PDB file of N, CA and C in Angstrom:
ATOM      1  N   MET A   1     103.735-121.211 178.289  1.00  0.00           N
ATOM      2  CA  MET A   1     102.899-120.778 179.705  1.00  0.00           C
ATOM      3  C   MET A   1     103.499-119.723 180.203  1.00  0.00           C
ATOM      4  N   LYS A   2     103.613-118.905 180.869  1.00  0.00           N
ATOM      5  CA  LYS A   2     104.238-118.170 181.630  1.00  0.00           C
ATOM      6  C   LYS A   2     105.220-118.121 182.781  1.00  0.00           C
ATOM      7  N   VAL A   3     106.004-117.621 183.057  1.00  0.00           N
ATOM      8  CA  VAL A   3     106.747-117.743 184.283  1.00  0.00           C
ATOM      9  C   VAL A   3     107.221-116.500 184.398  1.00  0.00           C
ATOM     10  N   ALA A   4     107.768-115.797 185.906  1.00  0.00           N
ATOM     11  CA  ALA A   4     108.014-114.849 186.263  1.00  0.00           C
ATOM     12  C   ALA A   4     109.322-115.137 186.640  1.00  0.00           C
ATOM     13  N   VAL A   5     110.236-114.137 186.245  1.00  0.00           N
ATOM     14  CA  VAL A   5     111.430-114.751 186.875  1.00  0.00           C
ATOM     15  C   VAL A   5     112.359-113.719 187.812  1.00  0.00           C
ATOM     16  N   GLN A   6     112.738-113.793 188.329  1.00  0.00           N
ATOM     17  CA  GLN A   6     113.290-112.387 189.602  1.00  0.00           C
ATOM     18  C   GLN A   6     115.304-113.590 189.806  1.00  0.00           C
ATOM     19  N   CYS A   7     115.795-112.030 189.702  1.00  0.00           N
ATOM     20  CA  CYS A   7     117.420-111.997 190.086  1.00  0.00           C
ATOM     21  C   CYS A   7     117.931-111.311 190.394  1.00  0.00           C
ATOM     22  N   PHE A   8     117.742-111.851 191.742  1.00  0.00           N
ATOM     23  CA  PHE A   8     118.601-110.628 192.552  1.00  0.00           C
ATOM     24  C   PHE A   8     119.657-110.559 193.375  1.00  0.00           C
ATOM     25  N   ALA A   9     119.737-109.243 193.642  1.00  0.00           N
ATOM     26  CA  ALA A   9     121.501-108.427 193.599  1.00  0.00           C
ATOM     27  C   ALA A   9     122.521-109.201 192.271  1.00  0.00           C
ATOM     28  N   THR A  10     123.543-109.750 192.538  1.00  0.00           N
ATOM     29  CA  THR A  10     124.509-109.847 191.418  1.00  0.00           C
ATOM     30  C   THR A  10     124.117-110.751 190.499  1.00  0.00           C
ATOM     31  N   LEU A  11     122.825-111.890 190.426  1.00  0.00           N
ATOM     32  CA  LEU A  11     122.331-112.584 189.801  1.00  0.00           C
ATOM     33  C   LEU A  11     121.784-111.200 188.508  1.00  0.00           C
ATOM     34  N   GLY A  12     121.370-110.536 189.105  1.00  0.00           N
ATOM     35  CA  GLY A  12     120.788-109.645 187.882  1.00  0.00           C
ATOM     36  C   GLY A  12     120.730-109.028 186.360  1.00  0.00           C
ATOM     37  N   VAL A  13     122.257-109.273 186.549  1.00  0.00           N
ATOM     38  CA  VAL A  13     123.135-108.960 185.423  1.00  0.00           C
ATOM     39  C   VAL A  13     122.456-109.709 184.460  1.00  0.00           C
ATOM     40  N   TYR A  14     121.771-111.084 184.709  1.00  0.00           N
ATOM     41  CA  TYR A  14     121.701-112.264 184.273  1.00  0.00           C
ATOM     42  C   TYR A  14     120.755-112.556 183.019  1.00  0.00           C
ATOM     43  N   LEU A  15     119.251-111.122 183.551  1.00  0.00           N
ATOM     44  CA  LEU A  15     118.400-110.842 183.157  1.00  0.00           C
ATOM     45  C   LEU A  15     118.302-110.257 181.860  1.00  0.00           C
ATOM     46  N   PRO A  16     117.594-110.901 180.612  1.00  0.00           N
ATOM     47  CA  PRO A  16     117.350-110.506 179.294  1.00  0.00           C
ATOM     48  C   PRO A  16     117.964-108.945 179.141  1.00  0.00           C
ATOM     49  N   ALA A  17     118.179-108.919 178.178  1.00  0.00           N
ATOM     50  CA  ALA A  17     118.700-107.090 177.830  1.00  0.00           C
ATOM     51  C   ALA A  17     117.982-106.679 178.060  1.00  0.00           C
ATOM     52  N   GLY A  18     117.736-105.422 178.131  1.00  0.00           N
ATOM     53  CA  GLY A  18     116.223-104.478 178.032  1.00  0.00           C
ATOM     54  C   GLY A  18     115.174-104.602 179.176  1.00  0.00           C
ATOM     55  N   THR A  19     115.456-105.609 180.510  1.00  0.00           N
ATOM     56  CA  THR A  19     114.552-106.121 181.126  1.00  0.00           C
ATOM     57  C   THR A  19     115.143-104.577 182.426  1.00  0.00           C
ATOM     58  N   THR A  20     113.712-104.168 182.678  1.00  0.00           N
ATOM     59  CA  THR A  20     113.406-102.924 183.939  1.00  0.00           C
ATOM     60  C   THR A  20     113.727-103.898 184.969  1.00  0.00           C
ATOM     61  N   GLY A  21     114.365-103.278 186.221  1.00  0.00           N
ATOM     62  CA  GLY A  21     114.464-103.900 187.553  1.00  0.00           C
ATOM     63  C   GLY A  21     114.733-105.332 187.416  1.00  0.00           C
ATOM     64  N   ASP A  22     114.207-106.376 188.580  1.00  0.00           N
ATOM     65  CA  ASP A  22     114.888-107.589 188.548  1.00  0.00           C
ATOM     66  C   ASP A  22     113.411-108.637 188.410  1.00  0.00           C
ATOM     67  N   SER A  23     113.054-108.802 187.681  1.00  0.00           N
ATOM     68  CA  SER A  23     112.195-109.228 187.030  1.00  0.00           C
ATOM     69  C   SER A  23     111.731-109.321 185.762  1.00  0.00           C
ATOM     70  N   VAL A  24     111.251-110.661 185.348  1.00  0.00           N
ATOM     71  CA  VAL A  24     111.021-110.503 183.697  1.00  0.00           C
ATOM     72  C   VAL A  24     110.001-111.356 183.717  1.00  0.00           C
ATOM     73  N   THR A  25     109.060-111.586 182.703  1.00  0.00           N
ATOM     74  CA  THR A  25     108.248-112.625 182.354  1.00  0.00           C
ATOM     75  C   THR A  25     108.842-113.734 181.210  1.00  0.00           C
ATOM     76  N   LEU A  26     108.826-114.020 181.205  1.00  0.00           N
ATOM     77  CA  LEU A  26     109.050-115.070 180.063  1.00  0.00           C
ATOM     78  C   LEU A  26     108.075-116.541 179.832  1.00  0.00           C
ATOM     79  N   GLU A  27     107.861-116.558 178.502  1.00  0.00           N
ATOM     80  CA  GLU A  27     107.103-117.260 178.039  1.00  0.00           C
ATOM     81  C   GLU A  27     108.176-118.127 177.389  1.00  0.00           C
ATOM     82  N   LEU A  28     107.238-119.581 178.168  1.00  0.00           N
ATOM     83  CA  LEU A  28     108.204-120.925 178.058  1.00  0.00           C
ATOM     84  C   LEU A  28     107.407-122.111 177.594  1.00  0.00           C
ATOM     85  N   PRO A  29     108.150-123.278 177.047  1.00  0.00           N
ATOM     86  CA  PRO A  29     107.235-124.591 176.537  1.00  0.00           C
ATOM     87  C   PRO A  29     106.989-124.945 177.857  1.00  0.00           C
ATOM     88  N   ALA A  30     106.375-126.109 177.621  1.00  0.00           N
ATOM     89  CA  ALA A  30     105.698-126.745 178.722  1.00  0.00           C
ATOM     90  C   ALA A  30     106.827-127.989 179.312  1.00  0.00           C
ATOM     91  N   GLY A  31     107.248-128.642 179.840  1.00  0.00           N
ATOM     92  CA  GLY A  31     108.219-129.101 180.704  1.00  0.00           C
ATOM     93  C   GLY A  31     109.187-128.843 181.151  1.00  0.00           C
ATOM     94  N   THR A  32     109.394-127.008 181.138  1.00  0.00           N
ATOM     95  CA  THR A  32     110.327-126.523 181.192  1.00  0.00           C
ATOM     96  C   THR A  32     110.841-126.735 183.109  1.00  0.00           C
ATOM     97  N   THR A  33     112.139-126.729 182.936  1.00  0.00           N
ATOM     98  CA  THR A  33     112.562-126.673 184.437  1.00  0.00           C
ATOM     99  C   THR A  33     113.063-126.037 184.785  1.00  0.00           C
ATOM    100  N   VAL A  34     113.558-125.594 186.505  1.00  0.00           N
ATOM    101  CA  VAL A  34     114.321-124.350 186.761  1.00  0.00           C
ATOM    102  C   VAL A  34     115.536-124.367 186.209  1.00  0.00           C
ATOM    103  N   ASP A  35     116.249-125.670 186.229  1.00  0.00           N
ATOM    104  CA  ASP A  35     118.139-125.631 185.422  1.00  0.00           C
ATOM    105  C   ASP A  35     117.798-125.137 183.813  1.00  0.00           C
ATOM    106  N   ASP A  36     116.271-125.189 183.330  1.00  0.00           N
ATOM    107  CA  ASP A  36     116.028-124.754 181.803  1.00  0.00           C
ATOM    108  C   ASP A  36     116.720-123.494 181.656  1.00  0.00           C
ATOM    109  N   VAL A  37     116.093-122.885 183.110  1.00  0.00           N
ATOM    110  CA  VAL A  37     115.661-121.651 182.865  1.00  0.00           C
ATOM    111  C   VAL A  37     117.112-120.965 183.181  1.00  0.00           C
ATOM    112  N   VAL A  38     117.604-121.504 184.471  1.00  0.00           N
ATOM    113  CA  VAL A  38     119.431-120.824 184.423  1.00  0.00           C
ATOM    114  C   VAL A  38     120.177-120.889 183.546  1.00  0.00           C
ATOM    115  N   ARG A  39     119.853-121.977 182.791  1.00  0.00           N
ATOM    116  CA  ARG A  39     120.561-121.905 181.204  1.00  0.00           C
ATOM    117  C   ARG A  39     121.194-121.146 180.518  1.00  0.00           C
ATOM    118  N   ALA A  40     119.528-121.142 180.335  1.00  0.00           N
ATOM    119  CA  ALA A  40     118.980-120.334 179.334  1.00  0.00           C
ATOM    120  C   ALA A  40     119.490-118.564 179.690  1.00  0.00           C
ATOM    121  N   LEU A  41     119.469-118.165 180.373  1.00  0.00           N
ATOM    122  CA  LEU A  41     120.031-116.850 181.593  1.00  0.00           C
ATOM    123  C   LEU A  41     121.487-116.759 180.979  1.00  0.00           C
ATOM    124  N   GLY A  42     122.382-117.895 181.106  1.00  0.00           N
ATOM    125  CA  GLY A  42     123.617-117.875 181.201  1.00  0.00           C
ATOM    126  C   GLY A  42     124.329-117.938 182.339  1.00  0.00           C
ATOM    127  N   ILE A  43     123.475-118.333 183.286  1.00  0.00           N
ATOM    128  CA  ILE A  43     124.071-118.261 184.502  1.00  0.00           C
ATOM    129  C   ILE A  43     125.293-119.514 184.687  1.00  0.00           C
ATOM    130  N   PRO A  44     126.425-119.203 185.043  1.00  0.00           N
ATOM    131  CA  PRO A  44     127.449-120.094 184.906  1.00  0.00           C
ATOM    132  C   PRO A  44     126.844-120.876 186.199  1.00  0.00           C
ATOM    133  N   ALA A  45     127.629-122.873 185.731  1.00  0.00           N
ATOM    134  CA  ALA A  45     127.076-123.848 185.976  1.00  0.00           C
ATOM    135  C   ALA A  45     127.591-123.990 187.797  1.00  0.00           C
ATOM    136  N   ASP A  46     128.447-123.737 187.864  1.00  0.00           N
ATOM    137  CA  ASP A  46     129.528-123.123 188.720  1.00  0.00           C
ATOM    138  C   ASP A  46     129.067-121.969 189.809  1.00  0.00           C
ATOM    139  N   LEU A  47     128.169-121.051 189.458  1.00  0.00           N
ATOM    140  CA  LEU A  47     127.704-120.448 190.243  1.00  0.00           C
ATOM    141  C   LEU A  47     126.642-120.207 191.226  1.00  0.00           C
ATOM    142  N   GLU A  48     127.328-120.244 192.865  1.00  0.00           N
ATOM    143  CA  GLU A  48     125.879-120.623 193.357  1.00  0.00           C
ATOM    144  C   GLU A  48     124.703-119.531 193.803  1.00  0.00           C
ATOM    145  N   TYR A  49     123.592-120.161 193.912  1.00  0.00           N
ATOM    146  CA  TYR A  49     122.826-119.638 194.165  1.00  0.00           C
ATOM    147  C   TYR A  49     121.619-120.211 194.978  1.00  0.00           C
ATOM    148  N   LEU A  50     119.949-119.991 195.495  1.00  0.00           N
ATOM    149  CA  LEU A  50     119.205-120.501 196.021  1.00  0.00           C
ATOM    150  C   LEU A  50     118.257-120.414 194.949  1.00  0.00           C
ATOM    151  N   ARG A  51     117.323-121.206 194.773  1.00  0.00           N
ATOM    152  CA  ARG A  51     115.800-121.794 193.933  1.00  0.00           C
ATOM    153  C   ARG A  51     114.746-121.421 194.064  1.00  0.00           C
ATOM    154  N   VAL A  52     114.194-120.463 194.535  1.00  0.00           N
ATOM    155  CA  VAL A  52     112.536-120.531 195.387  1.00  0.00           C
ATOM    156  C   VAL A  52     111.330-120.888 193.843  1.00  0.00           C
ATOM    157  N   VAL A  53     110.846-121.169 194.168  1.00  0.00           N
ATOM    158  CA  VAL A  53     109.422-121.454 193.225  1.00  0.00           C
ATOM    159  C   VAL A  53     108.451-121.123 194.265  1.00  0.00           C
ATOM    160  N   ASN A  54     107.659-119.901 193.941  1.00  0.00           N
ATOM    161  CA  ASN A  54     106.397-119.520 194.320  1.00  0.00           C
ATOM    162  C   ASN A  54     106.711-119.715 195.951  1.00  0.00           C
ATOM    163  N   GLY A  55     107.493-119.229 196.588  1.00  0.00           N
ATOM    164  CA  GLY A  55     108.252-119.145 198.113  1.00  0.00           C
ATOM    165  C   GLY A  55     108.616-120.455 198.681  1.00  0.00           C
ATOM    166  N   HIS A  56     109.287-120.928 198.280  1.00  0.00           N
ATOM    167  CA  HIS A  56     109.516-122.402 198.290  1.00  0.00           C
ATOM    168  C   HIS A  56     110.892-123.507 197.667  1.00  0.00           C
ATOM    169  N   GLU A  57     111.814-122.916 198.772  1.00  0.00           N
ATOM    170  CA  GLU A  57     113.182-123.281 197.830  1.00  0.00           C
ATOM    171  C   GLU A  57     113.340-125.276 197.040  1.00  0.00           C
ATOM    172  N   ARG A  58     113.574-124.798 195.778  1.00  0.00           N
ATOM    173  CA  ARG A  58     112.910-126.237 195.246  1.00  0.00           C
ATOM    174  C   ARG A  58     115.038-126.340 194.140  1.00  0.00           C
ATOM    175  N   PRO A  59     114.733-127.990 193.736  1.00  0.00           N
ATOM    176  CA  PRO A  59     116.000-128.637 193.252  1.00  0.00           C
ATOM    177  C   PRO A  59     116.243-127.660 191.533  1.00  0.00           C
ATOM    178  N   PRO A  60     117.350-128.154 191.114  1.00  0.00           N
ATOM    179  CA  PRO A  60     117.251-127.398 189.673  1.00  0.00           C
ATOM    180  C   PRO A  60     115.982-128.516 188.477  1.00  0.00           C
ATOM    181  N   GLY A  61     116.030-129.165 188.687  1.00  0.00           N
ATOM    182  CA  GLY A  61     115.095-130.363 187.809  1.00  0.00           C
ATOM    183  C   GLY A  61     113.827-130.275 188.472  1.00  0.00           C
ATOM    184  N   TYR A  62     112.997-129.625 188.981  1.00  0.00           N
ATOM    185  CA  TYR A  62     112.310-128.676 189.607  1.00  0.00           C
ATOM    186  C   TYR A  62     111.596-128.233 188.505  1.00  0.00           C
ATOM    187  N   TYR A  63     109.906-129.224 187.946  1.00  0.00           N
ATOM    188  CA  TYR A  63     109.613-128.542 186.636  1.00  0.00           C
ATOM    189  C   TYR A  63     108.361-127.164 186.823  1.00  0.00           C
ATOM    190  N   LEU A  64     108.327-126.412 186.445  1.00  0.00           N
ATOM    191  CA  LEU A  64     107.620-125.076 186.192  1.00  0.00           C
ATOM    192  C   LEU A  64     106.192-125.158 185.425  1.00  0.00           C
ATOM    193  N   VAL A  65     105.338-124.611 186.543  1.00  0.00           N
ATOM    194  CA  VAL A  65     104.022-124.618 185.390  1.00  0.00           C
ATOM    195  C   VAL A  65     103.363-123.068 185.109  1.00  0.00           C
ATOM    196  N   ASP A  66     102.405-122.962 184.507  1.00  0.00           N
ATOM    197  CA  ASP A  66     102.313-121.531 184.240  1.00  0.00           C
ATOM    198  C   ASP A  66     101.550-121.095 185.372  1.00  0.00           C
ATOM    199  N   GLY A  67     101.958-119.549 185.402  1.00  0.00           N
ATOM    200  CA  GLY A  67     102.058-119.092 186.911  1.00  0.00           C
ATOM    201  C   GLY A  67     103.185-118.930 187.857  1.00  0.00           C
ATOM    202  N   ASP A  68     104.445-119.428 187.627  1.00  0.00           N
ATOM    203  CA  ASP A  68     104.005-120.474 188.553  1.00  0.00           C
ATOM    204  C   ASP A  68     105.763-118.886 189.155  1.00  0.00           C
ATOM    205  N   VAL A  69     106.448-117.942 189.561  1.00  0.00           N
ATOM    206  CA  VAL A  69     106.958-117.325 190.444  1.00  0.00           C
ATOM    207  C   VAL A  69     108.561-117.592 190.591  1.00  0.00           C
ATOM    208  N   LEU A  70     109.543-117.862 189.801  1.00  0.00           N
ATOM    209  CA  LEU A  70     111.218-118.714 190.006  1.00  0.00           C
ATOM    210  C   LEU A  70     112.429-117.566 190.083  1.00  0.00           C
ATOM    211  N   SER A  71     112.061-117.677 192.153  1.00  0.00           N
ATOM    212  CA  SER A  71     113.232-116.616 192.217  1.00  0.00           C
ATOM    213  C   SER A  71     115.111-116.553 192.412  1.00  0.00           C
ATOM    214  N   LEU A  72     115.781-116.883 192.006  1.00  0.00           N
ATOM    215  CA  LEU A  72     117.195-116.653 192.528  1.00  0.00           C
ATOM    216  C   LEU A  72     117.890-115.664 193.226  1.00  0.00           C
ATOM    217  N   PHE A  73     117.980-115.888 194.021  1.00  0.00           N
ATOM    218  CA  PHE A  73     119.350-115.326 194.940  1.00  0.00           C
ATOM    219  C   PHE A  73     120.509-115.803 195.129  1.00  0.00           C
ATOM    220  N   PRO A  74     121.319-114.673 195.218  1.00  0.00           N
ATOM    221  CA  PRO A  74     122.458-115.582 195.547  1.00  0.00           C
ATOM    222  C   PRO A  74     123.383-115.589 197.512  1.00  0.00           C
ATOM    223  N   PRO A  75     124.295-116.377 197.458  1.00  0.00           N
ATOM    224  CA  PRO A  75     123.996-116.951 198.469  1.00  0.00           C
ATOM    225  C   PRO A  75     124.022-116.272 199.770  1.00  0.00           C
ATOM    226  N   LEU A  76     123.428-115.958 201.182  1.00  0.00           N
ATOM    227  CA  LEU A  76     123.144-115.464 202.243  1.00  0.00           C
ATOM    228  C   LEU A  76     124.627-114.835 202.980  1.00  0.00           C
ATOM    229  N   ALA A  77     125.464-114.367 203.439  1.00  0.00           N
ATOM    230  CA  ALA A  77     126.192-114.517 204.157  1.00  0.00           C
ATOM    231  C   ALA A  77     126.192-113.276 205.413  1.00  0.00           C
ATOM    232  N   GLY A  78     127.299-113.414 206.688  1.00  0.00           N
ATOM    233  CA  GLY A  78     126.938-112.333 207.463  1.00  0.00           C
ATOM    234  C   GLY A  78     125.965-112.609 208.632  1.00  0.00           C
ATOM    235  N   GLY A  79     125.774-111.881 209.182  1.00  0.00           N
ATOM    236  CA  GLY A  79     124.491-112.367 210.222  1.00  0.00           C
ATOM    237  C   GLY A  79     125.648-111.370 211.464  1.00  0.00           C
ATOM    238  N   SER A  80     124.733-111.071 212.710  1.00  0.00           N
ATOM    239  CA  SER A  80     125.740-110.569 213.870  1.00  0.00           C
ATOM    240  C   SER A  80     126.693-111.665 214.533  1.00  0.00           C
ATOM    241  N   GLY A  81     125.997-112.775 214.593  1.00  0.00           N
ATOM    242  CA  GLY A  81     126.821-113.606 215.546  1.00  0.00           C
ATOM    243  C   GLY A  81     126.456-113.257 216.935  1.00  0.00           C
ATOM    244  N   GLY A  82     126.234-112.242 217.351  1.00  0.00           N
ATOM    245  CA  GLY A  82     126.274-111.922 218.822  1.00  0.00           C
ATOM    246  C   GLY A  82     126.731-111.174 219.849  1.00  0.00           C
ATOM    247  N   GLU A  83     127.887-111.475 218.912  1.00  0.00           N
ATOM    248  CA  GLU A  83     129.616-110.859 219.552  1.00  0.00           C
ATOM    249  C   GLU A  83     129.826-109.382 219.922  1.00  0.00           C
ATOM    250  N   THR A  84     130.452-108.993 220.802  1.00  0.00           N
ATOM    251  CA  THR A  84     130.784-107.788 220.865  1.00  0.00           C
ATOM    252  C   THR A  84     131.519-107.638 220.552  1.00  0.00           C
ATOM    253  N   PRO A  85     132.638-106.096 220.342  1.00  0.00           N
ATOM    254  CA  PRO A  85     134.041-106.256 220.325  1.00  0.00           C
ATOM    255  C   PRO A  85     134.649-105.688 221.353  1.00  0.00           C
TER     256      PRO A  85
END
């Protein structure tokens, strides 16, 4: 099966060598989970990130299917908080 994998911001360094941009299409065996892809990319287990499949946050054990788009985002921080200095 083919799954598009997108790694944004600081996670882009974990895409396979030679990848242009922030995404790559991988050929994966049936039964592959989000966590299987994360391990295959070499993303450290202690690194925090969001796992999104087809626009919906999913757990590490979520099974991917042909045509899925897996997006990995580092945690977002910041915001205005509405305070004025």
